[in-house]
Amino acid sequence: MQAAYLRQAGDLENTLATLINFSFFLAYLVMGNLAAKTIDKVGYRGALIRGLIILIAGFALFELSALQFTLFPNTVHIAGATIPYAYFVFLLGSFVAGTALTYLQAAINPYIVASKVPGTSGVQRQTIAGAGNSSMTTIGPLIVAFLIFGGKEAEQISVSSLFVPLAVLIGIVAILAIVLKNLNLPDIEGSTAEKDEVLPKSVWSFSHLALGVLAIFFYVGVEVAVGANINLYAISLTDADGNSLYTIAQAAQMAALYWGGMLVGRLFGSFVSKVSANVQLLVTTVGAGILVVLAMMTGNPWLLVGVGLFHSIMWPAIFSLAIEGLGKYTSKGSGALMMGVVGGAILPFTQGVFADVLGSWSLTWIIVIVGEIYLLYYALAGYKVKQRGDEVTV
C-alpha cells in the first residue's frame, strides 16, 4: 500500500508510511479504557466477539480504500506531496484494526492468566499463546509475498490485487466470530466487576499495575524498535571508503531472523513453568541489554538479531506481574495495560527522528537501552504488590 499510495509523497514518504503504523498503535492508547469497560459489561467472550466484528470493519475500510484508489484516484497536495484520498481511508482502517486488537488482547491476556490449567503457570500459558502469534508474524509476510502476490516487487503490485485477499480475511474472521459465539467460554469468577458495580478506587491506585503499564510501553517500544529499525541500521553502515557493509537483502534477513527468534524463544519459553515471572523478566532484560550494548560498541547489527530470543517471553511475564492480585479490577487493569502498547508507535518513531538529526543510527540504540533499564527496575522492584484488589474498601 505504501508503494501504491506514496509514490509521489516526496520528502514526506517516510513520515506518511510511519503514520500507518502510528495510527494502528495509537488505538491501544485511545481505546484501552473502553475495551476494559466492555469486558465488565459483556464479559470476555462478548468482548472477543466485538473485537472480531471491529476487525471486520477494519478490513472493510482497507477494501474500501483499495476500491476508491482504483475507481476514484483523487489526490490532495500537502507540502509538495501528492497524496491520494484513499490513503486517509487506509489510515482510518489501520486505527480501526488497532482498536480490534485492543479489544481482543484486553480480553485474551487476562483470561489466559486467570484460567487455571493444571501443571501450567499464567506466564507459561501466555507464552504458548504468544507462540501462535509469533508463528503468523513469521509466516504471514511469506504468505502475502509469495502466495498472494506471487513474489512480485512492491512497485509491480496493483491495489486491485488486494480485493480478493481482503474478502477472504473478512470471511475467515466472520466465521471465527460465529464459532466463538457458540463456544462455551465461561467468564472467570472474580476477575471482572459485577454488572453496575462501582469500584471504590481507581485502577491506577495499584502501583504495580501503573508501573506495569509503563513496562508494557517500554517493552513493546523496544521490541518494535529493534524489529522495525534493525534493517535501516544495517544498510546505513559503511566502511572507510563509504561502501555499504550490508546489502538490503542481508538487512531484511536480519529483521526476519529477529522475529523468528521471537518465535523460537516463545516455543522454548512455553516449557518454563517453575521459574517466576519476575525472574524470567530479570534474566531476559539483562540478556537483551547486553546484546544491544555490544551491538553499539562493535557496530555489528547481527547481535541485535539475538535480542529477539530475550524479548520473546517478556510480554507474558510483565502482564502476569501487572495484574497479580487485582481481583475485580483485573479487566480494567488489562485495558490499562493495552494503553501501554502505544510505545510500539512512539519509541521506533523517536529513534528514526534521532537517526535523521544525528545522521547515524548508532547512538539511537540508547533509547532501547533506556527501555531495558526500566524493565530491569520493574523486574527487581516495580512488580511488587503493595495492595490487592480484594483488600480495597470504600
Protein backbone atom coordinates (compact mmCIF):
# COMPACT_ATOMS: atom_id res chain seq x y z
CA MET A 1 0.00 0.00 0.00
CA GLN A 2 2.93 2.31 0.73
CA ALA A 3 4.33 1.74 -2.75
CA ALA A 4 0.97 2.41 -4.38
CA TYR A 5 -0.22 5.37 -2.33
CA LEU A 6 3.02 7.23 -1.61
CA ARG A 7 4.84 7.16 -4.92
CA GLN A 8 4.52 10.93 -5.18
CA ALA A 9 4.91 11.74 -1.49
CA GLY A 10 8.43 13.12 -1.94
CA ASP A 11 10.12 14.06 1.32
CA LEU A 12 7.03 13.03 3.30
CA GLU A 13 7.10 9.39 2.20
CA ASN A 14 8.73 8.01 5.36
CA THR A 15 6.61 10.21 7.62
CA LEU A 16 3.37 9.13 5.95
CA ALA A 17 4.42 5.49 5.94
CA THR A 18 5.19 5.72 9.65
CA LEU A 19 1.77 7.24 10.30
CA ILE A 20 0.12 3.97 9.24
CA ASN A 21 1.97 2.11 12.00
CA PHE A 22 1.43 5.00 14.41
CA SER A 23 -2.32 5.03 13.72
CA PHE A 24 -2.56 1.31 14.50
CA PHE A 25 -0.76 1.53 17.84
CA LEU A 26 -2.49 4.77 18.81
CA ALA A 27 -5.72 2.78 19.11
CA TYR A 28 -4.30 0.92 22.11
CA LEU A 29 -3.94 4.19 23.99
CA VAL A 30 -7.25 5.73 22.93
CA MET A 31 -9.45 2.62 23.17
CA GLY A 32 -7.87 0.68 26.04
CA ASN A 33 -10.21 2.07 28.71
CA LEU A 34 -13.29 1.44 26.57
CA ALA A 35 -12.18 -2.15 25.97
CA ALA A 36 -11.96 -2.71 29.73
CA LYS A 37 -15.46 -1.30 30.27
CA THR A 38 -16.77 -3.58 27.52
CA ILE A 39 -15.33 -6.64 29.28
CA ASP A 40 -17.04 -5.66 32.53
CA LYS A 41 -20.33 -5.12 30.69
CA VAL A 42 -20.48 -8.15 28.36
CA GLY A 43 -17.76 -10.47 29.65
CA TYR A 44 -14.67 -11.88 27.98
CA ARG A 45 -16.47 -13.78 25.21
CA GLY A 46 -18.64 -10.76 24.39
CA ALA A 47 -15.56 -8.54 24.17
CA LEU A 48 -13.82 -11.07 21.91
CA ILE A 49 -16.79 -11.21 19.55
CA ARG A 50 -16.97 -7.41 19.41
CA GLY A 51 -13.25 -7.29 18.70
CA LEU A 52 -13.68 -9.62 15.73
CA ILE A 53 -16.58 -7.55 14.41
CA ILE A 54 -14.48 -4.39 14.67
CA LEU A 55 -11.67 -6.21 12.85
CA ILE A 56 -14.08 -6.98 10.01
CA ALA A 57 -14.86 -3.25 9.87
CA GLY A 58 -11.13 -2.50 9.65
CA PHE A 59 -10.67 -4.93 6.76
CA ALA A 60 -13.73 -3.44 5.07
CA LEU A 61 -12.10 0.01 5.27
CA PHE A 62 -8.96 -1.41 3.67
CA GLU A 63 -11.15 -2.86 0.94
CA LEU A 64 -12.92 0.48 0.51
CA SER A 65 -9.57 2.25 0.35
CA ALA A 66 -8.33 -0.02 -2.43
CA LEU A 67 -11.65 0.35 -4.30
CA GLN A 68 -11.56 4.13 -4.04
CA PHE A 69 -7.95 4.27 -5.23
CA THR A 70 -8.86 2.11 -8.23
CA LEU A 71 -12.09 3.87 -9.28
CA PHE A 72 -11.62 7.42 -7.95
CA PRO A 73 -7.88 8.18 -7.66
CA ASN A 74 -8.41 11.74 -6.39
CA THR A 75 -5.44 13.34 -4.66
CA VAL A 76 -4.60 16.20 -2.31
CA HIS A 77 -1.38 18.24 -2.29
CA ILE A 78 0.34 18.76 1.07
CA ALA A 79 3.79 20.36 1.45
CA GLY A 80 4.83 19.32 -2.04
CA ALA A 81 3.50 15.78 -1.67
CA THR A 82 0.68 14.34 -3.76
CA ILE A 83 -1.42 12.03 -1.58
CA PRO A 84 -4.49 10.06 -2.71
CA TYR A 85 -7.63 10.35 -0.59
CA ALA A 86 -7.58 6.56 -0.38
CA TYR A 87 -4.51 6.83 1.85
CA PHE A 88 -6.55 8.56 4.55
CA VAL A 89 -9.22 5.85 4.36
CA PHE A 90 -6.46 3.29 4.81
CA LEU A 91 -5.13 5.30 7.77
CA LEU A 92 -8.58 5.13 9.38
CA GLY A 93 -8.74 1.40 8.66
CA SER A 94 -5.41 0.98 10.45
CA PHE A 95 -6.80 2.70 13.56
CA VAL A 96 -9.95 0.55 13.47
CA ALA A 97 -7.85 -2.61 13.11
CA GLY A 98 -5.77 -1.46 16.08
CA THR A 99 -8.98 -0.94 18.04
CA ALA A 100 -10.00 -4.52 17.25
CA LEU A 101 -6.68 -5.86 18.50
CA THR A 102 -7.05 -3.74 21.65
CA TYR A 103 -10.36 -5.47 22.41
CA LEU A 104 -9.01 -8.92 21.57
CA GLN A 105 -5.84 -8.61 23.63
CA ALA A 106 -7.58 -6.91 26.56
CA ALA A 107 -9.85 -9.97 26.78
CA ILE A 108 -7.48 -12.78 25.81
CA ASN A 109 -4.48 -11.97 28.03
CA PRO A 110 -6.19 -11.81 31.44
CA TYR A 111 -8.42 -14.75 30.51
CA ILE A 112 -5.40 -16.91 29.79
CA VAL A 113 -3.76 -15.85 33.05
CA ALA A 114 -6.92 -16.35 35.15
CA SER A 115 -7.88 -19.73 33.65
CA LYS A 116 -6.45 -22.44 35.86
CA VAL A 117 -4.90 -25.28 33.86
CA PRO A 118 -3.21 -28.00 35.96
CA GLY A 119 0.55 -28.17 35.55
CA THR A 120 0.91 -24.73 33.96
CA SER A 121 1.51 -21.17 35.13
CA GLY A 122 -0.10 -17.99 33.82
CA VAL A 123 3.19 -16.94 32.23
CA GLN A 124 3.55 -20.34 30.57
CA ARG A 125 0.02 -20.23 29.15
CA GLN A 126 0.58 -16.75 27.75
CA THR A 127 3.89 -17.83 26.24
CA ILE A 128 2.20 -20.74 24.48
CA ALA A 129 -0.44 -18.38 23.11
CA GLY A 130 2.31 -15.95 22.11
CA ALA A 131 4.00 -18.70 20.12
CA GLY A 132 0.91 -18.84 17.90
CA ASN A 133 1.13 -15.07 17.42
CA SER A 134 4.83 -15.27 16.54
CA SER A 135 4.20 -18.13 14.12
CA MET A 136 1.95 -15.93 11.99
CA THR A 137 4.29 -12.95 12.39
CA THR A 138 6.93 -15.12 10.74
CA ILE A 139 4.76 -16.99 8.23
CA GLY A 140 2.23 -14.24 7.38
CA PRO A 141 4.56 -11.99 5.38
CA LEU A 142 5.75 -15.00 3.36
CA ILE A 143 2.14 -15.93 2.54
CA VAL A 144 1.43 -12.37 1.41
CA ALA A 145 4.62 -12.05 -0.61
CA PHE A 146 4.66 -15.38 -2.40
CA LEU A 147 1.15 -16.85 -2.37
CA ILE A 148 -0.92 -13.69 -2.76
CA PHE A 149 1.45 -11.51 -4.78
CA GLY A 150 3.49 -14.24 -6.45
CA GLY A 151 6.86 -12.84 -5.46
CA LYS A 152 6.34 -9.53 -7.29
CA GLU A 153 8.21 -6.41 -6.27
CA ALA A 154 6.17 -3.76 -4.44
CA GLU A 155 6.04 -1.41 -7.43
CA GLN A 156 4.64 -4.22 -9.60
CA ILE A 157 1.65 -4.85 -7.33
CA SER A 158 -1.72 -3.40 -8.27
CA VAL A 159 -4.01 -2.25 -5.48
CA SER A 160 -6.77 -4.25 -7.13
CA SER A 161 -4.79 -7.37 -6.12
CA LEU A 162 -5.99 -6.76 -2.56
CA PHE A 163 -9.70 -7.19 -3.26
CA VAL A 164 -9.82 -10.99 -3.05
CA PRO A 165 -7.33 -11.46 -0.14
CA LEU A 166 -9.19 -8.89 1.97
CA ALA A 167 -12.54 -10.50 1.15
CA VAL A 168 -11.11 -13.86 2.26
CA LEU A 169 -9.88 -12.33 5.52
CA ILE A 170 -13.31 -10.83 6.19
CA GLY A 171 -14.88 -14.24 5.64
CA ILE A 172 -12.41 -16.00 7.94
CA VAL A 173 -12.91 -13.51 10.78
CA ALA A 174 -16.69 -13.71 10.38
CA ILE A 175 -16.52 -17.50 10.73
CA LEU A 176 -14.36 -17.10 13.87
CA ALA A 177 -16.93 -14.74 15.38
CA ILE A 178 -19.76 -17.20 14.69
CA VAL A 179 -17.79 -20.13 16.15
CA LEU A 180 -16.80 -18.13 19.22
CA LYS A 181 -20.40 -17.12 19.85
CA ASN A 182 -21.36 -20.79 20.10
CA LEU A 183 -18.43 -21.88 22.26
CA ASN A 184 -18.80 -22.49 25.99
CA LEU A 185 -16.34 -19.90 27.21
CA PRO A 186 -17.27 -19.04 30.82
CA ASP A 187 -16.10 -15.84 32.47
CA ILE A 188 -13.61 -16.24 35.30
CA GLU A 189 -15.32 -15.56 38.62
CA GLY A 190 -13.94 -12.56 40.48
CA SER A 191 -11.88 -11.20 37.57
CA THR A 192 -14.47 -8.64 36.45
CA ALA A 193 -16.71 -6.22 38.30
CA GLU A 194 -20.30 -7.22 38.82
CA LYS A 195 -22.79 -5.56 36.50
CA ASP A 196 -23.46 -1.96 37.55
CA GLU A 197 -20.93 -2.34 40.39
CA VAL A 198 -18.99 0.85 41.16
CA LEU A 199 -15.42 0.06 42.19
CA PRO A 200 -14.28 2.24 45.11
CA LYS A 201 -10.81 3.09 43.80
CA SER A 202 -9.15 3.90 40.51
CA VAL A 203 -7.28 1.05 38.90
CA TRP A 204 -4.29 3.39 38.73
CA SER A 205 -4.04 3.29 42.55
CA PHE A 206 -2.33 -0.11 42.26
CA SER A 207 1.33 0.82 41.91
CA HIS A 208 2.44 -2.49 40.39
CA LEU A 209 -0.17 -2.06 37.65
CA ALA A 210 0.67 1.60 36.95
CA LEU A 211 4.36 0.73 36.72
CA GLY A 212 3.38 -2.30 34.63
CA VAL A 213 1.66 -0.07 32.05
CA LEU A 214 4.93 1.82 31.69
CA ALA A 215 6.75 -1.53 31.45
CA ILE A 216 4.47 -2.58 28.59
CA PHE A 217 5.13 0.82 26.96
CA PHE A 218 8.89 0.28 27.03
CA TYR A 219 8.70 -3.42 26.19
CA VAL A 220 6.56 -3.02 23.07
CA GLY A 221 8.57 0.08 22.16
CA VAL A 222 11.95 -1.66 22.26
CA GLU A 223 10.58 -4.83 20.66
CA VAL A 224 9.22 -2.93 17.65
CA ALA A 225 12.22 -0.55 17.55
CA VAL A 226 14.65 -3.44 17.06
CA GLY A 227 12.40 -5.36 14.70
CA ALA A 228 11.47 -2.35 12.55
CA ASN A 229 14.79 -0.49 12.53
CA ILE A 230 17.46 -3.17 12.52
CA ASN A 231 17.38 -3.26 8.71
CA LEU A 232 17.64 0.54 8.44
CA TYR A 233 20.59 0.48 10.82
CA ALA A 234 22.32 -2.28 8.87
CA ILE A 235 22.07 -0.61 5.45
CA SER A 236 23.34 2.67 6.90
CA LEU A 237 26.66 1.14 7.95
CA THR A 238 29.60 1.77 5.62
CA ASP A 239 33.33 1.02 5.51
CA ALA A 240 36.17 3.56 5.40
CA ASP A 241 35.62 4.04 1.67
CA GLY A 242 31.91 4.72 2.06
CA ASN A 243 30.79 1.34 0.72
CA SER A 244 27.79 -0.35 2.34
CA LEU A 245 28.73 -3.17 4.67
CA TYR A 246 25.42 -4.96 4.25
CA THR A 247 23.07 -5.39 1.33
CA ILE A 248 19.34 -4.72 1.53
CA ALA A 249 18.76 -8.48 1.32
CA GLN A 250 21.04 -9.10 4.30
CA ALA A 251 19.31 -6.34 6.27
CA ALA A 252 15.90 -7.87 5.54
CA GLN A 253 17.23 -11.24 6.64
CA MET A 254 18.27 -9.73 9.98
CA ALA A 255 14.73 -8.46 10.59
CA ALA A 256 13.23 -11.82 9.63
CA LEU A 257 15.62 -13.68 11.95
CA TYR A 258 14.82 -11.29 14.78
CA TRP A 259 11.10 -12.08 14.55
CA GLY A 260 11.95 -15.75 14.03
CA GLY A 261 13.94 -15.58 17.27
CA MET A 262 10.79 -14.31 18.98
CA LEU A 263 9.02 -17.45 17.80
CA VAL A 264 11.80 -19.80 18.91
CA GLY A 265 12.04 -18.10 22.30
CA ARG A 266 8.32 -18.42 22.91
CA LEU A 267 8.28 -22.07 21.89
CA PHE A 268 11.04 -22.87 24.39
CA GLY A 269 9.61 -20.46 26.95
CA SER A 270 6.33 -22.35 26.97
CA PHE A 271 8.12 -25.16 28.82
CA VAL A 272 9.23 -22.87 31.63
CA SER A 273 6.64 -23.24 34.37
CA LYS A 274 8.63 -23.26 37.61
CA VAL A 275 10.54 -20.02 37.04
CA SER A 276 8.74 -16.99 38.48
CA ALA A 277 7.65 -14.20 36.15
CA ASN A 278 9.93 -11.58 37.72
CA VAL A 279 12.98 -13.84 37.40
CA GLN A 280 12.13 -14.52 33.75
CA LEU A 281 11.86 -10.78 33.13
CA LEU A 282 15.10 -10.11 35.04
CA VAL A 283 17.17 -12.63 33.07
CA THR A 284 15.77 -11.70 29.65
CA THR A 285 16.16 -7.96 30.27
CA VAL A 286 19.82 -8.33 31.25
CA GLY A 287 20.48 -10.56 28.24
CA ALA A 288 18.78 -8.18 25.79
CA GLY A 289 20.54 -5.15 27.29
CA ILE A 290 23.98 -6.74 26.98
CA LEU A 291 23.42 -7.60 23.31
CA VAL A 292 22.24 -4.05 22.48
CA VAL A 293 25.27 -2.52 24.23
CA LEU A 294 27.64 -4.89 22.39
CA ALA A 295 25.94 -4.06 19.07
CA MET A 296 26.52 -0.34 19.72
CA MET A 297 30.16 -0.83 20.76
CA THR A 298 31.09 -3.13 17.87
CA GLY A 299 28.80 -1.71 15.18
CA ASN A 300 27.61 -5.25 14.46
CA PRO A 301 23.83 -5.34 13.75
CA TRP A 302 23.81 -9.15 13.74
CA LEU A 303 23.99 -9.01 17.54
CA LEU A 304 20.59 -7.33 17.57
CA VAL A 305 19.10 -10.44 15.96
CA GLY A 306 19.68 -12.33 19.21
CA VAL A 307 17.65 -9.76 21.15
CA GLY A 308 14.51 -11.38 19.75
CA LEU A 309 15.17 -14.50 21.82
CA PHE A 310 15.17 -12.45 25.03
CA HIS A 311 12.23 -10.24 24.07
CA SER A 312 10.11 -13.28 23.29
CA ILE A 313 8.81 -14.02 26.80
CA MET A 314 8.80 -10.51 28.28
CA TRP A 315 5.16 -9.76 27.42
CA PRO A 316 3.58 -12.64 29.40
CA ALA A 317 5.93 -12.01 32.32
CA ILE A 318 5.04 -8.30 32.53
CA PHE A 319 1.33 -8.91 32.01
CA SER A 320 1.12 -11.58 34.71
CA LEU A 321 3.02 -9.45 37.21
CA ALA A 322 0.96 -6.33 36.46
CA ILE A 323 -2.48 -7.92 37.03
CA GLU A 324 -1.41 -10.02 40.02
CA GLY A 325 -3.89 -9.64 42.88
CA LEU A 326 -6.18 -7.15 41.13
CA GLY A 327 -9.31 -9.26 41.65
CA LYS A 328 -12.38 -7.36 40.40
CA TYR A 329 -10.04 -4.75 38.94
CA THR A 330 -8.47 -7.30 36.56
CA SER A 331 -10.48 -6.36 33.46
CA LYS A 332 -9.86 -2.65 33.97
CA GLY A 333 -6.19 -3.37 34.62
CA SER A 334 -6.00 -5.30 31.36
CA GLY A 335 -7.48 -2.35 29.49
CA ALA A 336 -4.97 -0.02 31.14
CA LEU A 337 -2.10 -2.30 30.07
CA MET A 338 -3.32 -2.14 26.48
CA MET A 339 -2.77 1.61 26.59
CA GLY A 340 0.93 0.96 27.12
CA VAL A 341 1.20 -0.73 23.72
CA VAL A 342 1.35 2.78 22.19
CA GLY A 343 5.07 2.53 22.94
CA GLY A 344 5.29 0.50 19.73
CA ALA A 345 4.43 3.69 17.85
CA ILE A 346 6.37 6.25 19.86
CA LEU A 347 9.79 4.68 20.50
CA PRO A 348 10.57 3.44 16.95
CA PHE A 349 9.41 6.78 15.53
CA THR A 350 11.52 8.69 18.07
CA GLN A 351 14.52 6.56 17.18
CA GLY A 352 14.04 7.35 13.49
CA VAL A 353 13.84 11.09 14.23
CA PHE A 354 17.09 10.95 16.20
CA ALA A 355 18.73 8.99 13.38
CA ASP A 356 17.88 11.84 10.98
CA VAL A 357 19.02 14.52 13.45
CA LEU A 358 22.29 12.78 14.36
CA GLY A 359 22.96 11.50 10.86
CA SER A 360 23.56 8.00 12.22
CA TRP A 361 21.64 5.13 13.79
CA SER A 362 24.47 4.05 16.11
CA LEU A 363 23.72 6.27 19.12
CA THR A 364 19.95 5.92 18.76
CA TRP A 365 20.10 2.46 20.35
CA ILE A 366 20.50 4.28 23.67
CA ILE A 367 16.70 4.63 23.53
CA VAL A 368 16.41 0.84 23.57
CA ILE A 369 18.93 0.58 26.42
CA VAL A 370 16.90 3.05 28.49
CA GLY A 371 13.83 0.88 27.92
CA GLU A 372 15.71 -2.26 29.01
CA ILE A 373 16.92 -0.47 32.18
CA TYR A 374 13.35 0.38 33.14
CA LEU A 375 12.26 -3.22 32.54
CA LEU A 376 15.11 -4.31 34.81
CA TYR A 377 13.78 -1.99 37.53
CA TYR A 378 10.29 -3.44 37.13
CA ALA A 379 11.66 -6.99 37.43
CA LEU A 380 13.57 -6.08 40.61
CA ALA A 381 11.11 -3.84 42.46
CA GLY A 382 8.29 -2.31 40.41
CA TYR A 383 6.28 -5.55 40.18
CA LYS A 384 5.81 -5.94 43.94
CA VAL A 385 2.15 -5.92 45.01
CA LYS A 386 1.53 -3.32 47.71
CA GLN A 387 -2.26 -3.60 47.68
CA ARG A 388 -4.60 -6.33 46.45
CA GLY A 389 -7.97 -5.79 44.82
CA ASP A 390 -9.87 -7.79 47.43
CA GLU A 391 -8.37 -5.63 50.19
CA VAL A 392 -9.80 -2.38 48.80
CA THR A 393 -12.50 -0.77 50.91
CA VAL A 394 -14.59 2.32 50.36
